Amino acid sequence: MSSRRRPDSQPSSARRRRSNAAPASDSTPTDNPDEWVPDSDLFLDGIDTAAEASSPMAGVGVPAVVAVVATRNAGERLDSLLASLAGQEYANLVTLIVDAGSTVDPTERVAEILPSAFVKRIDSEKFADAANAALGTVDGASFYLFLHDDVELGPGTVQAMVEEAFRSNAGIVGAKIVQGVDPTKIETVGAAIDKFGFLWPIAETGELDQSQHDAIREAFVVSSAAMLIRCDLFRDLGGFSTDIDGSGEDLDLCWRARVAGARTVVMPAATVVHHHESGY
């Protein structure tokens, strides 16, 4: 996600609907969004439906999260990412690795570190196509957690992001992303936008992290390097735009989500290290 950028055109129109309600991915919500319970019968095979029975999020069980890792000719940082996913204590997390035309099939490599992960290979080399592959692969989950293949998740990141999605009634939740070369420096905590369409970063890139940006706040856009989004919202928006080359898919998606009525927030307690060694 680059800063201070004027989009070439307005993002594609989104269907106008009430998108700031509690998650409803192929499930039936109750009258009270705080009492919504996912339909465990529809979860992707491999998601721990038994975990729905108990959760620190009272009344909602443990919503199913699918971590979608878009990868292409990944370096050694993929191993670090998989290890950080394996270390998450979130009770209902499944990982889907989408390989976008890598020279070497990463299936065995993934299995050595995270045997429970699913691997899907596609012909396209675009990040958007890799991320959107989740739409035809996963049914019944509550959230997608999109990740670049060169990030590492801090302890409790998934839990913190999901809890904030419910607490803030947000459609999209971003993390505090710090630099891989120096994790004491901030890369991004999202960005705002002015009336002319220019993005203004909430924190300057390279700003020393002294907890000055640790308040939960609303943002116009968060980085796709680590982005949690409700599955029903992502589906209704049609996923990431495949018409955008290079960076900008995250801005377009967050913009369309806002038009549809969904909130985007940043949860700084969820910390992600970004090494910038990805094919994207």
Foldseek 3Di string as FASTA:
>chain_A
DDAFDFDPDAFDAFDADAPLAAFAFVHDQDPDSLQGEFDLVWWDPLWPSVQQVDDPSPNHRQFAEEEEEEAAQDDPLLLQALQLVVQEPRRGYEYEYEYACHPDDCVVVSCVRPVRHHYHYDPHPDPQVSVLVCVVVTGRGFKYKFAYSRKHWDYCQVVLQVVVCVVVSFQKEAEFEAEPVDRQFTQAQAWAADPSRTTDTPDDGRHGPPCPPQDKDFHQFHDSNTMMGTPVLCVSRVTFDPVDPDDDSRNSSSSNSVSNPGTYMYHHVTYMYGHPRGPD
